[in-house]
Amino acid sequence: MKQLLLLLLIGCAVPMVGTSLAFAQNTRADAVPKLQVQVKRITQESLHMYEIDASGTVQAPLPVVWRILTGYDRMEEFVPDLSLCRVLSRNGNEVIIEQFGTARFLFMSRSIHLIVRATEQPMSSIDVDLISGDMKHYEARWELVPVPETGGTRVVYTGRIMPSFYVPGILGTNLIRGDIERMMGAVLARLDKGIAPRALPSTGTDVARTQAAAAR
């Protein structure tokens, strides 16, 4: 079910003079769990569904996180079991997205097709709701919160889902929690890959040396 949860994008040497500061920053960052996931089975309007609350913190700054999470056409590159994700249309901050993937339960697997609507609030949140597909109920929300102390971003995912196929009660809760952990882990890992350091710009001396070498 990991592919149903759309949307659901480094290192550098530290000089010795900055070692104490870097250690203090890393200690504060490590004090916050990388990933927290809670899933519970609830009843809403006579329907049994699963309520999801997941969050994690990445080093990537907010603009990088936003760029990757809204790059819907590339989601299948890092979201487990998502084989295709494409934008069908865009109208302002509303995006219609089609997804194909595979849901796996124990020894069974089944192909999944969804069309969802993503409503964007730039640099803040993405609300996702079902238009059609292999779910009886699907709603989700991504919230992005900057972390000033580290320059990173806290990523919060909440949702309520009800598959159109049978999912066993308590066992289903554990299976979906595992899927969410896998999906969120992959998303957070991709987000942190988005902050690889850029190459330093060449100085005037470097340019002159390059031109001289080319002339020789």
N, C-alpha and C. Protein backbone atom coordinates (compact mmCIF):
# COMPACT_ATOMS: atom_id res chain seq x y z
N MET A 1 0.82 -1.21 0.00
CA MET A 1 0.00 0.00 0.00
C MET A 1 0.85 1.25 0.00
N LYS A 2 2.18 1.04 0.02
CA LYS A 2 3.04 2.22 0.10
C LYS A 2 2.84 3.18 -1.06
N GLN A 3 2.55 2.63 -2.25
CA GLN A 3 2.38 3.51 -3.38
C GLN A 3 1.10 4.30 -3.33
N LEU A 4 0.19 3.96 -2.43
CA LEU A 4 -1.06 4.71 -2.31
C LEU A 4 -0.86 5.99 -1.54
N LEU A 5 0.28 6.14 -0.92
CA LEU A 5 0.48 7.26 -0.01
C LEU A 5 1.37 8.31 -0.66
N LEU A 6 0.82 8.75 -1.84
CA LEU A 6 1.53 9.67 -2.69
C LEU A 6 2.19 10.82 -1.95
N LEU A 7 3.04 11.30 -2.69
CA LEU A 7 3.61 12.61 -2.39
C LEU A 7 4.51 12.44 -1.23
N LEU A 8 2.80 11.65 -2.65
CA LEU A 8 3.36 11.30 -1.93
C LEU A 8 2.92 10.88 -2.83
N LEU A 9 12.89 13.99 -1.57
CA LEU A 9 12.14 14.22 -2.24
C LEU A 9 12.87 13.22 -2.28
N ILE A 10 25.83 13.54 1.82
CA ILE A 10 26.03 14.96 2.10
C ILE A 10 26.98 15.10 3.28
N GLY A 11 27.11 15.19 2.79
CA GLY A 11 28.05 15.39 3.87
C GLY A 11 29.10 16.36 3.41
N CYS A 12 29.77 17.04 4.39
CA CYS A 12 30.84 17.97 4.05
C CYS A 12 31.84 17.99 5.20
N ALA A 13 33.06 18.30 4.86
CA ALA A 13 34.11 18.35 5.88
C ALA A 13 33.92 19.57 6.76
N VAL A 14 34.14 19.42 8.07
CA VAL A 14 33.99 20.52 9.01
C VAL A 14 35.36 20.92 9.53
N PRO A 15 35.76 22.18 9.40
CA PRO A 15 37.05 22.62 9.92
C PRO A 15 37.13 22.35 11.42
N MET A 16 38.34 22.14 11.91
CA MET A 16 38.55 21.82 13.33
C MET A 16 38.03 22.93 14.23
N VAL A 17 38.11 24.18 13.79
CA VAL A 17 37.65 25.28 14.64
C VAL A 17 36.15 25.23 14.85
N GLY A 18 35.43 24.50 13.96
CA GLY A 18 33.98 24.44 14.10
C GLY A 18 33.51 23.13 14.69
N THR A 19 34.41 22.30 15.19
CA THR A 19 34.04 20.97 15.66
C THR A 19 33.04 21.02 16.80
N SER A 20 33.26 21.89 17.79
CA SER A 20 32.37 21.95 18.94
C SER A 20 30.97 22.37 18.54
N LEU A 21 30.88 23.39 17.66
CA LEU A 21 29.57 23.85 17.21
C LEU A 21 28.87 22.76 16.42
N ALA A 22 29.60 22.11 15.51
CA ALA A 22 29.00 21.06 14.70
C ALA A 22 28.51 19.92 15.58
N PHE A 23 29.27 19.56 16.59
CA PHE A 23 28.86 18.48 17.50
C PHE A 23 27.58 18.85 18.23
N ALA A 24 27.49 20.10 18.69
CA ALA A 24 26.29 20.55 19.40
C ALA A 24 25.08 20.52 18.49
N GLN A 25 25.26 20.95 17.21
CA GLN A 25 24.14 20.94 16.28
C GLN A 25 23.69 19.52 15.98
N ASN A 26 24.65 18.61 15.78
CA ASN A 26 24.32 17.22 15.49
C ASN A 26 23.62 16.58 16.67
N THR A 27 24.04 16.94 17.88
CA THR A 27 23.40 16.38 19.07
C THR A 27 21.95 16.80 19.15
N ARG A 28 21.67 18.09 18.86
CA ARG A 28 20.29 18.56 18.89
C ARG A 28 19.47 17.87 17.82
N ALA A 29 20.05 17.71 16.62
CA ALA A 29 19.32 17.08 15.53
C ALA A 29 19.03 15.62 15.84
N ASP A 30 20.03 14.91 16.43
CA ASP A 30 19.86 13.50 16.73
C ASP A 30 18.86 13.27 17.84
N ALA A 31 18.60 14.33 18.66
CA ALA A 31 17.67 14.18 19.77
C ALA A 31 16.24 14.04 19.26
N VAL A 32 15.98 14.45 18.01
CA VAL A 32 14.66 14.32 17.42
C VAL A 32 14.63 13.04 16.58
N PRO A 33 13.71 12.11 16.86
CA PRO A 33 13.65 10.87 16.10
C PRO A 33 13.53 11.15 14.60
N LYS A 34 14.25 10.38 13.80
CA LYS A 34 14.22 10.56 12.35
C LYS A 34 12.82 10.32 11.79
N LEU A 35 12.14 9.28 12.32
CA LEU A 35 10.85 8.91 11.80
C LEU A 35 9.96 8.36 12.89
N GLN A 36 8.75 8.87 12.97
CA GLN A 36 7.74 8.37 13.91
C GLN A 36 6.48 8.05 13.13
N VAL A 37 5.91 6.87 13.38
CA VAL A 37 4.71 6.44 12.64
C VAL A 37 3.70 5.84 13.61
N GLN A 38 2.44 6.29 13.50
CA GLN A 38 1.34 5.70 14.26
C GLN A 38 0.20 5.39 13.31
N VAL A 39 -0.37 4.19 13.43
CA VAL A 39 -1.52 3.80 12.62
C VAL A 39 -2.55 3.17 13.55
N LYS A 40 -3.80 3.60 13.43
CA LYS A 40 -4.86 2.98 14.22
C LYS A 40 -6.10 2.78 13.37
N ARG A 41 -6.89 1.78 13.73
CA ARG A 41 -8.11 1.46 13.00
C ARG A 41 -9.27 2.21 13.66
N ILE A 42 -10.02 2.95 12.87
CA ILE A 42 -11.12 3.75 13.40
C ILE A 42 -12.40 3.45 12.62
N THR A 43 -13.51 3.91 13.15
CA THR A 43 -14.81 3.81 12.46
C THR A 43 -15.34 5.20 12.20
N GLN A 44 -15.63 5.49 10.94
CA GLN A 44 -16.14 6.79 10.56
C GLN A 44 -17.30 6.59 9.59
N GLU A 45 -18.46 7.07 9.95
CA GLU A 45 -19.66 6.93 9.11
C GLU A 45 -19.88 5.47 8.72
N SER A 46 -19.77 4.59 9.74
CA SER A 46 -19.98 3.14 9.58
C SER A 46 -18.92 2.46 8.72
N LEU A 47 -17.86 3.17 8.39
CA LEU A 47 -16.78 2.58 7.61
C LEU A 47 -15.57 2.35 8.52
N HIS A 48 -14.94 1.18 8.39
CA HIS A 48 -13.71 0.91 9.11
C HIS A 48 -12.55 1.39 8.24
N MET A 49 -11.74 2.27 8.76
CA MET A 49 -10.60 2.77 7.99
C MET A 49 -9.40 2.93 8.90
N TYR A 50 -8.27 3.25 8.29
CA TYR A 50 -7.02 3.37 9.02
C TYR A 50 -6.59 4.83 9.06
N GLU A 51 -6.29 5.30 10.25
CA GLU A 51 -5.84 6.68 10.46
C GLU A 51 -4.33 6.67 10.65
N ILE A 52 -3.65 7.51 9.89
CA ILE A 52 -2.19 7.51 9.85
C ILE A 52 -1.65 8.85 10.33
N ASP A 53 -0.60 8.78 11.14
CA ASP A 53 0.09 9.99 11.61
C ASP A 53 1.58 9.67 11.60
N ALA A 54 2.31 10.28 10.68
CA ALA A 54 3.75 10.01 10.54
C ALA A 54 4.51 11.32 10.40
N SER A 55 5.73 11.34 10.91
CA SER A 55 6.54 12.55 10.78
C SER A 55 8.02 12.20 10.87
N GLY A 56 8.82 13.06 10.29
CA GLY A 56 10.27 12.88 10.33
C GLY A 56 10.95 14.20 10.02
N THR A 57 12.20 14.31 10.37
CA THR A 57 12.96 15.55 10.16
C THR A 57 14.13 15.27 9.22
N VAL A 58 14.33 16.16 8.26
CA VAL A 58 15.43 16.01 7.31
C VAL A 58 16.32 17.25 7.37
N GLN A 59 17.52 17.11 6.85
CA GLN A 59 18.47 18.22 6.81
C GLN A 59 18.14 19.21 5.70
N ALA A 60 17.40 18.74 4.70
CA ALA A 60 17.10 19.58 3.54
C ALA A 60 16.27 20.81 3.93
N PRO A 61 16.59 21.98 3.38
CA PRO A 61 15.80 23.18 3.66
C PRO A 61 14.45 23.11 2.97
N LEU A 62 13.53 23.93 3.43
CA LEU A 62 12.15 23.91 2.96
C LEU A 62 12.02 24.00 1.43
N PRO A 63 12.72 24.92 0.74
CA PRO A 63 12.54 25.00 -0.72
C PRO A 63 12.92 23.70 -1.44
N VAL A 64 13.94 23.02 -0.95
CA VAL A 64 14.35 21.75 -1.57
C VAL A 64 13.29 20.69 -1.35
N VAL A 65 12.78 20.61 -0.12
CA VAL A 65 11.73 19.64 0.20
C VAL A 65 10.50 19.88 -0.67
N TRP A 66 10.11 21.13 -0.80
CA TRP A 66 8.93 21.45 -1.61
C TRP A 66 9.13 21.06 -3.07
N ARG A 67 10.30 21.36 -3.60
CA ARG A 67 10.58 21.05 -5.01
C ARG A 67 10.48 19.54 -5.27
N ILE A 68 11.01 18.74 -4.37
CA ILE A 68 11.02 17.29 -4.57
C ILE A 68 9.62 16.71 -4.38
N LEU A 69 8.91 17.13 -3.33
CA LEU A 69 7.59 16.57 -3.06
C LEU A 69 6.56 16.94 -4.13
N THR A 70 6.76 18.05 -4.82
CA THR A 70 5.83 18.44 -5.88
C THR A 70 6.33 18.03 -7.26
N GLY A 71 7.42 17.28 -7.31
CA GLY A 71 7.89 16.72 -8.58
C GLY A 71 7.19 15.39 -8.83
N TYR A 72 5.88 15.42 -9.01
CA TYR A 72 5.06 14.21 -9.04
C TYR A 72 5.49 13.23 -10.13
N ASP A 73 5.93 13.74 -11.27
CA ASP A 73 6.31 12.87 -12.38
C ASP A 73 7.55 12.02 -12.10
N ARG A 74 8.24 12.30 -11.00
CA ARG A 74 9.45 11.54 -10.68
C ARG A 74 9.29 10.71 -9.40
N MET A 75 8.08 10.65 -8.87
CA MET A 75 7.85 9.93 -7.63
C MET A 75 8.23 8.46 -7.70
N GLU A 76 7.98 7.84 -8.87
CA GLU A 76 8.27 6.39 -8.96
C GLU A 76 9.75 6.08 -8.84
N GLU A 77 10.61 7.11 -8.95
CA GLU A 77 12.04 6.88 -8.83
C GLU A 77 12.45 6.51 -7.40
N PHE A 78 11.63 6.87 -6.40
CA PHE A 78 12.05 6.59 -5.03
C PHE A 78 10.94 6.08 -4.11
N VAL A 79 9.68 6.11 -4.53
CA VAL A 79 8.60 5.58 -3.69
C VAL A 79 8.44 4.09 -3.96
N PRO A 80 8.56 3.22 -2.95
CA PRO A 80 8.48 1.77 -3.14
C PRO A 80 7.18 1.33 -3.80
N ASP A 81 7.28 0.42 -4.75
CA ASP A 81 6.15 -0.23 -5.41
C ASP A 81 5.27 0.71 -6.22
N LEU A 82 5.73 1.93 -6.46
CA LEU A 82 5.02 2.86 -7.34
C LEU A 82 5.67 2.76 -8.72
N SER A 83 4.92 2.26 -9.71
CA SER A 83 5.49 2.03 -11.03
C SER A 83 5.32 3.22 -11.97
N LEU A 84 4.28 4.03 -11.75
CA LEU A 84 4.06 5.19 -12.60
C LEU A 84 3.29 6.25 -11.84
N CYS A 85 3.74 7.49 -11.97
CA CYS A 85 3.03 8.63 -11.38
C CYS A 85 3.14 9.77 -12.37
N ARG A 86 2.01 10.24 -12.86
CA ARG A 86 2.06 11.30 -13.87
C ARG A 86 0.98 12.35 -13.63
N VAL A 87 1.31 13.57 -14.03
CA VAL A 87 0.37 14.69 -13.90
C VAL A 87 -0.55 14.70 -15.11
N LEU A 88 -1.86 14.65 -14.86
CA LEU A 88 -2.84 14.69 -15.94
C LEU A 88 -3.21 16.12 -16.28
N SER A 89 -3.28 16.99 -15.26
CA SER A 89 -3.62 18.39 -15.51
C SER A 89 -3.22 19.22 -14.30
N ARG A 90 -3.09 20.51 -14.55
CA ARG A 90 -2.79 21.46 -13.48
C ARG A 90 -3.60 22.72 -13.71
N ASN A 91 -4.28 23.18 -12.66
CA ASN A 91 -5.05 24.42 -12.72
C ASN A 91 -4.76 25.21 -11.46
N GLY A 92 -3.87 26.20 -11.57
CA GLY A 92 -3.46 26.95 -10.39
C GLY A 92 -2.76 26.04 -9.40
N ASN A 93 -3.28 26.00 -8.17
CA ASN A 93 -2.64 25.17 -7.15
C ASN A 93 -3.27 23.78 -7.05
N GLU A 94 -4.10 23.41 -8.04
CA GLU A 94 -4.75 22.10 -8.04
C GLU A 94 -4.15 21.23 -9.14
N VAL A 95 -3.69 20.03 -8.76
CA VAL A 95 -3.03 19.13 -9.70
C VAL A 95 -3.76 17.79 -9.69
N ILE A 96 -4.10 17.26 -10.86
CA ILE A 96 -4.72 15.95 -10.99
C ILE A 96 -3.62 14.95 -11.38
N ILE A 97 -3.50 13.88 -10.60
CA ILE A 97 -2.38 12.95 -10.73
C ILE A 97 -2.91 11.52 -10.88
N GLU A 98 -2.28 10.76 -11.77
CA GLU A 98 -2.61 9.34 -11.95
C GLU A 98 -1.46 8.49 -11.46
N GLN A 99 -1.80 7.39 -10.75
CA GLN A 99 -0.78 6.51 -10.19
C GLN A 99 -1.09 5.05 -10.50
N PHE A 100 -0.03 4.30 -10.78
CA PHE A 100 -0.11 2.85 -10.90
C PHE A 100 0.91 2.24 -9.97
N GLY A 101 0.54 1.17 -9.29
CA GLY A 101 1.49 0.52 -8.39
C GLY A 101 1.00 -0.86 -7.99
N THR A 102 1.61 -1.39 -6.94
CA THR A 102 1.28 -2.72 -6.45
C THR A 102 1.14 -2.68 -4.93
N ALA A 103 0.04 -3.24 -4.42
CA ALA A 103 -0.15 -3.40 -2.98
C ALA A 103 0.15 -4.84 -2.63
N ARG A 104 0.92 -5.07 -1.56
CA ARG A 104 1.31 -6.41 -1.17
C ARG A 104 0.85 -6.68 0.26
N PHE A 105 0.17 -7.82 0.44
CA PHE A 105 -0.28 -8.25 1.75
C PHE A 105 0.07 -9.72 1.91
N LEU A 106 1.00 -9.99 2.86
CA LEU A 106 1.44 -11.36 3.11
C LEU A 106 1.88 -12.00 1.79
N PHE A 107 1.19 -13.07 1.34
CA PHE A 107 1.61 -13.75 0.12
C PHE A 107 0.82 -13.28 -1.10
N MET A 108 0.04 -12.23 -0.93
CA MET A 108 -0.79 -11.74 -2.03
C MET A 108 -0.29 -10.39 -2.52
N SER A 109 -0.57 -10.11 -3.76
CA SER A 109 -0.27 -8.79 -4.33
C SER A 109 -1.37 -8.42 -5.30
N ARG A 110 -1.55 -7.14 -5.48
CA ARG A 110 -2.61 -6.69 -6.38
C ARG A 110 -2.23 -5.35 -6.98
N SER A 111 -2.56 -5.21 -8.26
CA SER A 111 -2.28 -3.96 -8.96
C SER A 111 -3.24 -2.87 -8.48
N ILE A 112 -2.73 -1.66 -8.38
CA ILE A 112 -3.51 -0.53 -7.89
C ILE A 112 -3.47 0.60 -8.91
N HIS A 113 -4.64 1.19 -9.15
CA HIS A 113 -4.73 2.36 -10.03
C HIS A 113 -5.52 3.44 -9.30
N LEU A 114 -4.95 4.63 -9.21
CA LEU A 114 -5.61 5.75 -8.52
C LEU A 114 -5.52 7.02 -9.35
N ILE A 115 -6.55 7.83 -9.26
CA ILE A 115 -6.48 9.21 -9.74
C ILE A 115 -6.82 10.09 -8.54
N VAL A 116 -5.91 11.00 -8.21
CA VAL A 116 -6.08 11.83 -7.02
C VAL A 116 -5.93 13.31 -7.37
N ARG A 117 -6.42 14.13 -6.47
CA ARG A 117 -6.30 15.59 -6.61
C ARG A 117 -5.37 16.10 -5.51
N ALA A 118 -4.32 16.80 -5.89
CA ALA A 118 -3.41 17.42 -4.93
C ALA A 118 -3.64 18.93 -4.93
N THR A 119 -3.93 19.47 -3.76
CA THR A 119 -4.13 20.92 -3.62
C THR A 119 -2.95 21.49 -2.85
N GLU A 120 -2.19 22.35 -3.50
CA GLU A 120 -0.94 22.85 -2.94
C GLU A 120 -1.11 24.21 -2.25
N GLN A 121 -0.51 24.34 -1.09
CA GLN A 121 -0.29 25.62 -0.45
C GLN A 121 1.22 25.81 -0.41
N PRO A 122 1.77 26.59 -1.35
CA PRO A 122 3.22 26.64 -1.57
C PRO A 122 4.03 26.79 -0.29
N MET A 123 5.06 25.94 -0.20
CA MET A 123 6.02 25.92 0.92
C MET A 123 5.36 25.61 2.26
N SER A 124 4.15 25.05 2.23
CA SER A 124 3.44 24.81 3.48
C SER A 124 2.80 23.43 3.55
N SER A 125 1.92 23.10 2.59
CA SER A 125 1.19 21.84 2.69
C SER A 125 0.69 21.38 1.33
N ILE A 126 0.36 20.07 1.26
CA ILE A 126 -0.25 19.46 0.09
C ILE A 126 -1.38 18.57 0.59
N ASP A 127 -2.61 18.87 0.17
CA ASP A 127 -3.76 18.04 0.53
C ASP A 127 -4.10 17.15 -0.66
N VAL A 128 -4.28 15.85 -0.38
CA VAL A 128 -4.55 14.88 -1.43
C VAL A 128 -5.88 14.20 -1.15
N ASP A 129 -6.75 14.14 -2.18
CA ASP A 129 -8.00 13.41 -2.01
C ASP A 129 -8.29 12.58 -3.24
N LEU A 130 -9.06 11.52 -3.05
CA LEU A 130 -9.33 10.54 -4.10
C LEU A 130 -10.39 11.05 -5.08
N ILE A 131 -10.11 10.87 -6.37
CA ILE A 131 -11.11 11.11 -7.40
C ILE A 131 -11.73 9.78 -7.83
N SER A 132 -10.86 8.80 -8.13
CA SER A 132 -11.35 7.47 -8.50
C SER A 132 -10.21 6.47 -8.33
N GLY A 133 -10.58 5.19 -8.30
CA GLY A 133 -9.56 4.16 -8.20
C GLY A 133 -9.87 3.09 -7.18
N ASP A 134 -8.84 2.32 -6.83
CA ASP A 134 -8.99 1.13 -6.00
C ASP A 134 -8.96 1.44 -4.51
N MET A 135 -9.73 2.42 -4.08
CA MET A 135 -9.88 2.75 -2.67
C MET A 135 -11.31 3.18 -2.42
N LYS A 136 -11.86 2.81 -1.27
CA LYS A 136 -13.18 3.32 -0.88
C LYS A 136 -13.07 4.72 -0.30
N HIS A 137 -11.96 4.96 0.39
CA HIS A 137 -11.74 6.28 0.99
C HIS A 137 -10.24 6.55 1.02
N TYR A 138 -9.86 7.75 0.63
CA TYR A 138 -8.44 8.11 0.67
C TYR A 138 -8.32 9.62 0.80
N GLU A 139 -7.72 10.06 1.88
CA GLU A 139 -7.40 11.47 2.07
C GLU A 139 -6.06 11.55 2.78
N ALA A 140 -5.25 12.50 2.40
CA ALA A 140 -3.92 12.62 3.01
C ALA A 140 -3.49 14.08 3.00
N ARG A 141 -2.54 14.38 3.86
CA ARG A 141 -2.01 15.75 3.94
C ARG A 141 -0.53 15.71 4.29
N TRP A 142 0.26 16.43 3.51
CA TRP A 142 1.67 16.65 3.81
C TRP A 142 1.81 18.06 4.36
N GLU A 143 2.46 18.19 5.50
CA GLU A 143 2.75 19.50 6.07
C GLU A 143 4.26 19.65 6.23
N LEU A 144 4.76 20.83 5.90
CA LEU A 144 6.18 21.10 5.96
C LEU A 144 6.44 22.23 6.95
N VAL A 145 7.33 21.96 7.91
CA VAL A 145 7.63 22.93 8.95
C VAL A 145 9.13 23.17 9.01
N PRO A 146 9.59 24.41 8.76
CA PRO A 146 11.03 24.68 8.83
C PRO A 146 11.56 24.50 10.26
N VAL A 147 12.80 24.04 10.37
CA VAL A 147 13.47 23.87 11.67
C VAL A 147 14.62 24.86 11.73
N PRO A 148 14.41 26.04 12.31
CA PRO A 148 15.43 27.10 12.29
C PRO A 148 16.75 26.67 12.92
N GLU A 149 16.70 25.82 13.96
CA GLU A 149 17.93 25.44 14.66
C GLU A 149 18.92 24.72 13.75
N THR A 150 18.43 23.96 12.80
CA THR A 150 19.30 23.16 11.94
C THR A 150 19.27 23.59 10.48
N GLY A 151 18.27 24.40 10.12
CA GLY A 151 18.10 24.75 8.72
C GLY A 151 17.37 23.68 7.93
N GLY A 152 16.92 22.62 8.63
CA GLY A 152 16.23 21.53 7.98
C GLY A 152 14.72 21.73 7.96
N THR A 153 14.01 20.62 7.74
CA THR A 153 12.55 20.68 7.61
C THR A 153 11.92 19.48 8.30
N ARG A 154 10.84 19.72 9.02
CA ARG A 154 10.05 18.64 9.59
C ARG A 154 8.92 18.31 8.61
N VAL A 155 8.80 17.04 8.26
CA VAL A 155 7.82 16.58 7.29
C VAL A 155 6.76 15.76 8.03
N VAL A 156 5.50 16.19 7.93
CA VAL A 156 4.40 15.53 8.64
C VAL A 156 3.41 14.98 7.61
N TYR A 157 3.07 13.70 7.74
CA TYR A 157 2.11 13.05 6.84
C TYR A 157 0.96 12.51 7.68
N THR A 158 -0.26 12.90 7.36
CA THR A 158 -1.44 12.38 8.03
C THR A 158 -2.43 11.93 6.97
N GLY A 159 -3.28 10.97 7.33
CA GLY A 159 -4.25 10.51 6.35
C GLY A 159 -5.24 9.52 6.92
N ARG A 160 -6.28 9.28 6.15
CA ARG A 160 -7.26 8.24 6.46
C ARG A 160 -7.53 7.47 5.18
N ILE A 161 -7.39 6.15 5.24
CA ILE A 161 -7.54 5.34 4.05
C ILE A 161 -8.42 4.13 4.33
N MET A 162 -9.10 3.68 3.28
CA MET A 162 -9.88 2.45 3.34
C MET A 162 -9.78 1.78 1.97
N PRO A 163 -9.04 0.69 1.86
CA PRO A 163 -8.92 -0.02 0.58
C PRO A 163 -10.26 -0.57 0.12
N SER A 164 -10.38 -0.77 -1.18
CA SER A 164 -11.60 -1.34 -1.73
C SER A 164 -11.58 -2.86 -1.64
N PHE A 165 -10.46 -3.42 -1.16
CA PHE A 165 -10.33 -4.86 -1.00
C PHE A 165 -10.13 -5.18 0.48
N TYR A 166 -10.33 -6.41 0.84
CA TYR A 166 -10.29 -6.81 2.25
C TYR A 166 -8.89 -6.69 2.85
N VAL A 167 -8.83 -6.08 4.02
CA VAL A 167 -7.59 -6.01 4.80
C VAL A 167 -7.92 -6.51 6.21
N PRO A 168 -7.23 -7.54 6.72
CA PRO A 168 -7.54 -8.09 8.04
C PRO A 168 -7.34 -7.07 9.15
N GLY A 169 -8.28 -7.00 10.12
CA GLY A 169 -8.31 -6.05 11.22
C GLY A 169 -7.00 -5.61 11.82
N ILE A 170 -6.63 -6.21 12.98
CA ILE A 170 -5.41 -5.81 13.69
C ILE A 170 -4.17 -6.10 12.86
N LEU A 171 -4.16 -7.21 12.16
CA LEU A 171 -3.03 -7.53 11.31
C LEU A 171 -2.87 -6.46 10.23
N GLY A 172 -3.99 -5.98 9.73
CA GLY A 172 -3.93 -4.93 8.72
C GLY A 172 -3.28 -3.67 9.24
N THR A 173 -3.55 -3.33 10.52
CA THR A 173 -2.92 -2.16 11.12
C THR A 173 -1.40 -2.29 11.11
N ASN A 174 -0.90 -3.46 11.48
CA ASN A 174 0.54 -3.68 11.50
C ASN A 174 1.13 -3.65 10.09
N LEU A 175 0.42 -4.23 9.12
CA LEU A 175 0.90 -4.24 7.75
C LEU A 175 0.99 -2.83 7.19
N ILE A 176 -0.06 -2.03 7.43
CA ILE A 176 -0.07 -0.66 6.92
C ILE A 176 0.99 0.18 7.61
N ARG A 177 1.20 -0.04 8.93
CA ARG A 177 2.27 0.70 9.62
C ARG A 177 3.63 0.39 8.98
N GLY A 178 3.86 -0.88 8.67
CA GLY A 178 5.11 -1.24 8.01
C GLY A 178 5.26 -0.59 6.66
N ASP A 179 4.16 -0.52 5.90
CA ASP A 179 4.20 0.12 4.59
C ASP A 179 4.48 1.61 4.70
N ILE A 180 3.84 2.26 5.69
CA ILE A 180 4.05 3.69 5.88
C ILE A 180 5.50 3.97 6.28
N GLU A 181 6.05 3.16 7.17
CA GLU A 181 7.44 3.33 7.58
C GLU A 181 8.38 3.20 6.38
N ARG A 182 8.09 2.24 5.52
CA ARG A 182 8.93 2.03 4.34
C ARG A 182 8.80 3.20 3.37
N MET A 183 7.56 3.63 3.12
CA MET A 183 7.33 4.75 2.22
C MET A 183 7.96 6.03 2.74
N MET A 184 7.71 6.36 4.02
CA MET A 184 8.25 7.59 4.60
C MET A 184 9.77 7.54 4.67
N GLY A 185 10.31 6.38 5.00
CA GLY A 185 11.77 6.24 5.04
C GLY A 185 12.39 6.55 3.70
N ALA A 186 11.76 6.05 2.62
CA ALA A 186 12.28 6.30 1.27
C ALA A 186 12.16 7.78 0.90
N VAL A 187 11.05 8.40 1.28
CA VAL A 187 10.85 9.82 0.97
C VAL A 187 11.87 10.68 1.72
N LEU A 188 12.05 10.42 3.02
CA LEU A 188 13.00 11.20 3.80
C LEU A 188 14.43 11.04 3.28
N ALA A 189 14.77 9.81 2.88
CA ALA A 189 16.11 9.57 2.33
C ALA A 189 16.31 10.37 1.05
N ARG A 190 15.28 10.41 0.19
CA ARG A 190 15.38 11.17 -1.05
C ARG A 190 15.49 12.67 -0.78
N LEU A 191 14.76 13.15 0.21
CA LEU A 191 14.83 14.57 0.54
C LEU A 191 16.23 14.96 0.97
N ASP A 192 16.87 14.13 1.78
CA ASP A 192 18.22 14.46 2.24
C ASP A 192 19.23 14.36 1.11
N LYS A 193 18.97 13.55 0.10
CA LYS A 193 19.88 13.49 -1.05
C LYS A 193 19.80 14.77 -1.87
N GLY A 194 18.75 15.55 -1.65
CA GLY A 194 18.56 16.77 -2.44
C GLY A 194 19.41 17.92 -2.00
N ILE A 195 20.27 17.73 -0.97
CA ILE A 195 21.06 18.86 -0.47
C ILE A 195 22.55 18.63 -0.63
N ALA A 196 22.93 17.84 -1.65
CA ALA A 196 24.35 17.64 -1.91
C ALA A 196 25.01 19.00 -2.16
N PRO A 197 26.21 19.23 -1.61
CA PRO A 197 26.85 20.55 -1.77
C PRO A 197 27.16 20.86 -3.21
N ARG A 198 26.95 22.11 -3.59
CA ARG A 198 27.25 22.53 -4.95
C ARG A 198 28.75 22.80 -5.10
N ALA A 199 29.23 22.71 -6.34
CA ALA A 199 30.63 23.01 -6.60
C ALA A 199 30.87 24.50 -6.36
N LEU A 200 32.01 24.82 -5.75
CA LEU A 200 32.34 26.21 -5.49
C LEU A 200 32.60 26.95 -6.79
N PRO A 201 32.17 28.19 -6.90
CA PRO A 201 32.41 28.94 -8.14
C PRO A 201 33.90 29.17 -8.34
N SER A 202 34.32 29.20 -9.60
CA SER A 202 35.73 29.42 -9.92
C SER A 202 36.10 30.87 -9.65
N THR A 203 37.31 31.08 -9.12
CA THR A 203 37.82 32.43 -8.89
C THR A 203 38.43 32.95 -10.17
N GLY A 204 38.72 34.24 -10.19
CA GLY A 204 39.36 34.82 -11.36
C GLY A 204 40.70 34.16 -11.65
N THR A 205 41.47 33.81 -10.60
CA THR A 205 42.76 33.15 -10.78
C THR A 205 42.58 31.80 -11.43
N ASP A 206 41.54 31.03 -10.99
CA ASP A 206 41.29 29.72 -11.56
C ASP A 206 40.96 29.83 -13.04
N VAL A 207 40.16 30.83 -13.40
CA VAL A 207 39.79 31.00 -14.80
C VAL A 207 41.01 31.31 -15.64
N ALA A 208 41.88 32.20 -15.10
CA ALA A 208 43.09 32.58 -15.83
C ALA A 208 43.98 31.37 -16.05
N ARG A 209 44.12 30.53 -15.02
CA ARG A 209 44.97 29.34 -15.14
C ARG A 209 44.40 28.38 -16.17
N THR A 210 43.05 28.23 -16.20
CA THR A 210 42.41 27.35 -17.15
C THR A 210 42.63 27.83 -18.58
N GLN A 211 42.51 29.17 -18.77
CA GLN A 211 42.70 29.72 -20.11
C GLN A 211 44.15 29.58 -20.57
N ALA A 212 45.08 29.76 -19.61
CA ALA A 212 46.50 29.62 -19.98
C ALA A 212 46.82 28.19 -20.37
N ALA A 213 46.23 27.25 -19.61
CA ALA A 213 46.49 25.84 -19.91
C ALA A 213 45.92 25.48 -21.28
N ALA A 214 44.76 26.03 -21.60
CA ALA A 214 44.15 25.74 -22.90
C ALA A 214 44.99 26.31 -24.02
N ALA A 215 45.58 27.50 -23.77
CA ALA A 215 46.41 28.13 -24.81
C ALA A 215 47.65 27.31 -25.11
N ARG A 216 48.16 26.64 -24.04
CA ARG A 216 49.35 25.79 -24.25
C ARG A 216 48.98 24.53 -25.00
